Amino acid sequence: MKKHKLISFDELLKELQGQKTIEEDPNHISLEKLFSESFMSKHSSFKSFGEFLDKGNFQAKTHEDVNNISGELFDRHVVRETDFSNWESMLATATKEYAGK
């Protein structure tokens, strides 16, 4: 049987704070958090990023999935359905607004 090493409260706190930093990294934020209901309502006629994707028949659950969508097709969808000129500006604005919270 393995013995667990006891750590101090301060060490535990530092470890947990490190994990929180990772969770808050823009590359690791869930799409639902990044493109919140308030963000989507403000910039489109959708209440969720999922609805926005469904309207364009796009399947994406992660940032990687979104990155794998054809840029030109996705940009056209963004222009048609939001007040952004392309996907990059939508992503940049969402990231900036999320970071400002």
N, C-alpha and C. Protein backbone atom coordinates (compact mmCIF):
# COMPACT_ATOMS: atom_id res chain seq x y z
N MET A 1 0.83 -1.19 0.00
CA MET A 1 0.00 0.00 0.00
C MET A 1 0.88 1.25 0.00
N LYS A 2 0.52 2.20 -0.84
CA LYS A 2 1.28 3.45 -0.95
C LYS A 2 0.97 4.37 0.22
N LYS A 3 1.99 5.02 0.70
CA LYS A 3 1.76 6.04 1.73
C LYS A 3 1.60 7.38 1.05
N HIS A 4 0.61 8.14 1.48
CA HIS A 4 0.41 9.47 0.92
C HIS A 4 1.24 10.47 1.71
N LYS A 5 1.94 11.31 0.97
CA LYS A 5 2.75 12.34 1.61
C LYS A 5 1.82 13.46 2.07
N LEU A 6 1.95 13.84 3.30
CA LEU A 6 1.14 14.95 3.81
C LEU A 6 1.74 16.27 3.33
N ILE A 7 0.87 17.17 2.91
CA ILE A 7 1.37 18.49 2.51
C ILE A 7 0.69 19.55 3.37
N SER A 8 1.36 20.65 3.51
CA SER A 8 0.80 21.71 4.33
C SER A 8 -0.34 22.39 3.60
N PHE A 9 -1.13 23.12 4.35
CA PHE A 9 -2.25 23.87 3.76
C PHE A 9 -1.73 24.85 2.71
N ASP A 10 -0.61 25.53 3.00
CA ASP A 10 -0.03 26.49 2.05
C ASP A 10 0.37 25.81 0.74
N GLU A 11 0.98 24.60 0.85
CA GLU A 11 1.35 23.87 -0.36
C GLU A 11 0.12 23.47 -1.16
N LEU A 12 -0.93 23.04 -0.45
CA LEU A 12 -2.17 22.66 -1.11
C LEU A 12 -2.78 23.87 -1.81
N LEU A 13 -2.79 25.00 -1.12
CA LEU A 13 -3.35 26.22 -1.70
C LEU A 13 -2.58 26.62 -2.96
N LYS A 14 -1.26 26.56 -2.90
CA LYS A 14 -0.45 26.90 -4.08
C LYS A 14 -0.75 25.95 -5.24
N GLU A 15 -0.90 24.66 -4.92
CA GLU A 15 -1.19 23.68 -5.95
C GLU A 15 -2.56 23.97 -6.59
N LEU A 16 -3.55 24.26 -5.76
CA LEU A 16 -4.88 24.56 -6.27
C LEU A 16 -4.89 25.86 -7.08
N GLN A 17 -4.14 26.85 -6.64
CA GLN A 17 -4.07 28.11 -7.39
C GLN A 17 -3.41 27.87 -8.74
N GLY A 18 -2.44 27.01 -8.80
CA GLY A 18 -1.80 26.66 -10.06
C GLY A 18 -2.79 26.02 -11.01
N GLN A 19 -3.65 25.15 -10.47
CA GLN A 19 -4.66 24.51 -11.29
C GLN A 19 -5.68 25.53 -11.78
N LYS A 20 -6.04 26.48 -10.94
CA LYS A 20 -6.99 27.51 -11.34
C LYS A 20 -6.41 28.35 -12.48
N THR A 21 -5.12 28.64 -12.42
CA THR A 21 -4.46 29.39 -13.48
C THR A 21 -4.58 28.65 -14.81
N ILE A 22 -4.40 27.34 -14.76
CA ILE A 22 -4.51 26.54 -15.98
C ILE A 22 -5.94 26.60 -16.51
N GLU A 23 -6.93 26.48 -15.60
CA GLU A 23 -8.33 26.52 -16.02
C GLU A 23 -8.68 27.86 -16.67
N GLU A 24 -8.08 28.93 -16.22
CA GLU A 24 -8.41 30.26 -16.73
C GLU A 24 -7.64 30.62 -17.99
N ASP A 25 -6.73 29.76 -18.42
CA ASP A 25 -5.99 29.99 -19.65
C ASP A 25 -6.98 30.05 -20.81
N PRO A 26 -6.96 31.11 -21.63
CA PRO A 26 -7.93 31.24 -22.72
C PRO A 26 -7.97 30.03 -23.65
N ASN A 27 -6.87 29.32 -23.77
CA ASN A 27 -6.85 28.14 -24.63
C ASN A 27 -7.54 26.94 -23.99
N HIS A 28 -7.86 27.05 -22.71
CA HIS A 28 -8.50 25.95 -22.01
C HIS A 28 -9.89 26.31 -21.50
N ILE A 29 -10.39 27.49 -21.82
CA ILE A 29 -11.73 27.88 -21.41
C ILE A 29 -12.72 27.17 -22.32
N SER A 30 -13.79 26.67 -21.73
CA SER A 30 -14.78 26.00 -22.58
C SER A 30 -15.41 27.02 -23.51
N LEU A 31 -15.85 26.55 -24.65
CA LEU A 31 -16.48 27.44 -25.63
C LEU A 31 -17.74 28.08 -25.05
N GLU A 32 -18.46 27.34 -24.20
CA GLU A 32 -19.67 27.87 -23.59
C GLU A 32 -19.35 29.04 -22.66
N LYS A 33 -18.23 28.95 -21.94
CA LYS A 33 -17.85 30.05 -21.05
C LYS A 33 -17.35 31.25 -21.86
N LEU A 34 -16.53 30.97 -22.85
CA LEU A 34 -15.95 32.04 -23.66
C LEU A 34 -17.03 32.78 -24.43
N PHE A 35 -17.93 32.02 -25.03
CA PHE A 35 -19.04 32.61 -25.79
C PHE A 35 -20.31 32.46 -24.96
N SER A 36 -20.37 33.22 -23.88
CA SER A 36 -21.48 33.13 -22.93
C SER A 36 -22.79 33.56 -23.57
N GLU A 37 -23.87 33.30 -22.86
CA GLU A 37 -25.19 33.69 -23.35
C GLU A 37 -25.26 35.21 -23.55
N SER A 38 -24.69 35.97 -22.62
CA SER A 38 -24.73 37.43 -22.77
C SER A 38 -23.90 37.88 -23.98
N PHE A 39 -22.75 37.25 -24.20
CA PHE A 39 -21.91 37.59 -25.36
C PHE A 39 -22.67 37.29 -26.66
N MET A 40 -23.23 36.09 -26.74
CA MET A 40 -23.92 35.68 -27.96
C MET A 40 -25.16 36.54 -28.21
N SER A 41 -25.89 36.87 -27.16
CA SER A 41 -27.09 37.70 -27.32
C SER A 41 -26.73 39.11 -27.78
N LYS A 42 -25.60 39.59 -27.29
CA LYS A 42 -25.14 40.95 -27.63
C LYS A 42 -24.68 41.05 -29.08
N HIS A 43 -24.04 40.00 -29.58
CA HIS A 43 -23.41 40.06 -30.91
C HIS A 43 -24.10 39.24 -31.99
N SER A 44 -25.19 38.53 -31.63
CA SER A 44 -25.89 37.71 -32.62
C SER A 44 -27.34 37.53 -32.20
N SER A 45 -28.08 36.76 -32.94
CA SER A 45 -29.47 36.48 -32.58
C SER A 45 -29.58 35.15 -31.82
N PHE A 46 -28.45 34.62 -31.38
CA PHE A 46 -28.44 33.34 -30.68
C PHE A 46 -28.19 33.51 -29.20
N LYS A 47 -28.69 32.54 -28.42
CA LYS A 47 -28.46 32.57 -26.98
C LYS A 47 -27.24 31.75 -26.57
N SER A 48 -26.78 30.89 -27.50
CA SER A 48 -25.62 30.06 -27.16
C SER A 48 -24.73 29.86 -28.38
N PHE A 49 -23.49 29.52 -28.10
CA PHE A 49 -22.54 29.24 -29.16
C PHE A 49 -22.97 27.97 -29.89
N GLY A 50 -23.56 27.03 -29.14
CA GLY A 50 -24.05 25.80 -29.75
C GLY A 50 -25.13 26.06 -30.79
N GLU A 51 -26.07 26.96 -30.48
CA GLU A 51 -27.12 27.33 -31.44
C GLU A 51 -26.50 27.96 -32.69
N PHE A 52 -25.52 28.81 -32.46
CA PHE A 52 -24.81 29.48 -33.56
C PHE A 52 -24.16 28.43 -34.49
N LEU A 53 -23.49 27.44 -33.88
CA LEU A 53 -22.85 26.38 -34.67
C LEU A 53 -23.89 25.54 -35.40
N ASP A 54 -24.97 25.19 -34.69
CA ASP A 54 -26.02 24.36 -35.30
C ASP A 54 -26.62 25.03 -36.53
N LYS A 55 -26.83 26.34 -36.45
CA LYS A 55 -27.41 27.07 -37.58
C LYS A 55 -26.55 26.92 -38.84
N GLY A 56 -25.24 26.84 -38.65
CA GLY A 56 -24.33 26.69 -39.80
C GLY A 56 -23.99 25.24 -40.09
N ASN A 57 -24.65 24.31 -39.38
CA ASN A 57 -24.36 22.87 -39.52
C ASN A 57 -22.91 22.53 -39.20
N PHE A 58 -22.35 23.23 -38.21
CA PHE A 58 -20.99 22.96 -37.76
C PHE A 58 -21.05 22.13 -36.48
N GLN A 59 -20.14 21.17 -36.37
CA GLN A 59 -20.02 20.34 -35.18
C GLN A 59 -18.71 20.70 -34.49
N ALA A 60 -18.79 21.23 -33.27
CA ALA A 60 -17.57 21.58 -32.54
C ALA A 60 -17.86 21.60 -31.05
N LYS A 61 -17.00 20.95 -30.31
CA LYS A 61 -17.13 20.94 -28.85
C LYS A 61 -15.93 21.60 -28.17
N THR A 62 -14.80 21.66 -28.90
CA THR A 62 -13.57 22.20 -28.32
C THR A 62 -12.97 23.25 -29.25
N HIS A 63 -11.99 23.97 -28.72
CA HIS A 63 -11.28 24.96 -29.55
C HIS A 63 -10.64 24.27 -30.76
N GLU A 64 -10.12 23.08 -30.53
CA GLU A 64 -9.47 22.34 -31.62
C GLU A 64 -10.48 22.03 -32.72
N ASP A 65 -11.70 21.62 -32.31
CA ASP A 65 -12.76 21.34 -33.30
C ASP A 65 -13.05 22.59 -34.13
N VAL A 66 -13.15 23.72 -33.46
CA VAL A 66 -13.43 24.98 -34.17
C VAL A 66 -12.29 25.31 -35.12
N ASN A 67 -11.06 25.10 -34.67
CA ASN A 67 -9.90 25.38 -35.53
C ASN A 67 -9.86 24.49 -36.76
N ASN A 68 -10.51 23.32 -36.69
CA ASN A 68 -10.51 22.39 -37.82
C ASN A 68 -11.60 22.70 -38.84
N ILE A 69 -12.50 23.62 -38.51
CA ILE A 69 -13.54 24.02 -39.46
C ILE A 69 -12.91 24.88 -40.54
N SER A 70 -13.35 24.70 -41.77
CA SER A 70 -12.82 25.49 -42.88
C SER A 70 -12.96 26.98 -42.58
N GLY A 71 -11.86 27.70 -42.65
CA GLY A 71 -11.84 29.12 -42.32
C GLY A 71 -12.81 29.96 -43.13
N GLU A 72 -12.83 29.75 -44.43
CA GLU A 72 -13.68 30.55 -45.30
C GLU A 72 -15.17 30.32 -45.01
N LEU A 73 -15.55 29.05 -44.86
CA LEU A 73 -16.95 28.74 -44.56
C LEU A 73 -17.36 29.32 -43.22
N PHE A 74 -16.49 29.17 -42.23
CA PHE A 74 -16.81 29.65 -40.89
C PHE A 74 -16.86 31.18 -40.86
N ASP A 75 -15.93 31.83 -41.56
CA ASP A 75 -15.94 33.29 -41.64
C ASP A 75 -17.25 33.79 -42.26
N ARG A 76 -17.72 33.11 -43.31
CA ARG A 76 -18.98 33.51 -43.94
C ARG A 76 -20.14 33.37 -42.97
N HIS A 77 -20.12 32.30 -42.19
CA HIS A 77 -21.17 32.08 -41.19
C HIS A 77 -21.13 33.19 -40.12
N VAL A 78 -19.93 33.52 -39.68
CA VAL A 78 -19.76 34.59 -38.68
C VAL A 78 -20.29 35.91 -39.22
N VAL A 79 -19.94 36.25 -40.46
CA VAL A 79 -20.40 37.51 -41.08
C VAL A 79 -21.92 37.53 -41.19
N ARG A 80 -22.49 36.41 -41.60
CA ARG A 80 -23.94 36.32 -41.81
C ARG A 80 -24.73 36.38 -40.50
N GLU A 81 -24.20 35.75 -39.44
CA GLU A 81 -24.98 35.55 -38.22
C GLU A 81 -24.58 36.42 -37.02
N THR A 82 -23.48 37.17 -37.13
CA THR A 82 -23.04 38.00 -36.01
C THR A 82 -22.70 39.40 -36.51
N ASP A 83 -22.29 40.26 -35.59
CA ASP A 83 -21.87 41.60 -36.00
C ASP A 83 -20.34 41.69 -36.17
N PHE A 84 -19.70 40.54 -36.38
CA PHE A 84 -18.25 40.50 -36.59
C PHE A 84 -17.93 40.31 -38.07
N SER A 85 -16.75 40.78 -38.47
CA SER A 85 -16.34 40.67 -39.88
C SER A 85 -15.67 39.35 -40.20
N ASN A 86 -15.24 38.60 -39.16
CA ASN A 86 -14.64 37.28 -39.36
C ASN A 86 -14.51 36.56 -38.02
N TRP A 87 -14.13 35.29 -38.08
CA TRP A 87 -14.00 34.47 -36.88
C TRP A 87 -12.92 35.02 -35.94
N GLU A 88 -11.80 35.46 -36.49
CA GLU A 88 -10.70 35.96 -35.66
C GLU A 88 -11.15 37.13 -34.79
N SER A 89 -11.92 38.05 -35.36
CA SER A 89 -12.36 39.20 -34.57
C SER A 89 -13.39 38.78 -33.51
N MET A 90 -14.22 37.79 -33.83
CA MET A 90 -15.19 37.28 -32.85
C MET A 90 -14.46 36.63 -31.68
N LEU A 91 -13.49 35.78 -32.00
CA LEU A 91 -12.71 35.10 -30.97
C LEU A 91 -11.92 36.09 -30.12
N ALA A 92 -11.29 37.07 -30.77
CA ALA A 92 -10.50 38.07 -30.04
C ALA A 92 -11.38 38.88 -29.09
N THR A 93 -12.56 39.28 -29.54
CA THR A 93 -13.47 40.06 -28.70
C THR A 93 -13.96 39.22 -27.52
N ALA A 94 -14.32 37.97 -27.78
CA ALA A 94 -14.79 37.09 -26.70
C ALA A 94 -13.69 36.87 -25.67
N THR A 95 -12.48 36.67 -26.14
CA THR A 95 -11.34 36.44 -25.23
C THR A 95 -11.08 37.68 -24.39
N LYS A 96 -11.14 38.85 -25.03
CA LYS A 96 -10.89 40.11 -24.33
C LYS A 96 -12.00 40.36 -23.28
N GLU A 97 -13.24 40.15 -23.66
CA GLU A 97 -14.35 40.35 -22.72
C GLU A 97 -14.30 39.36 -21.57
N TYR A 98 -13.93 38.11 -21.87
CA TYR A 98 -13.83 37.10 -20.82
C TYR A 98 -12.70 37.45 -19.85
N ALA A 99 -11.59 37.88 -20.37
CA ALA A 99 -10.43 38.24 -19.54
C ALA A 99 -10.75 39.45 -18.67
N GLY A 100 -11.64 40.32 -19.13
CA GLY A 100 -12.00 41.52 -18.39
C GLY A 100 -12.95 41.26 -17.24
N LYS A 101 -13.47 40.04 -17.12
CA LYS A 101 -14.42 39.71 -16.05
C LYS A 101 -13.72 39.52 -14.73
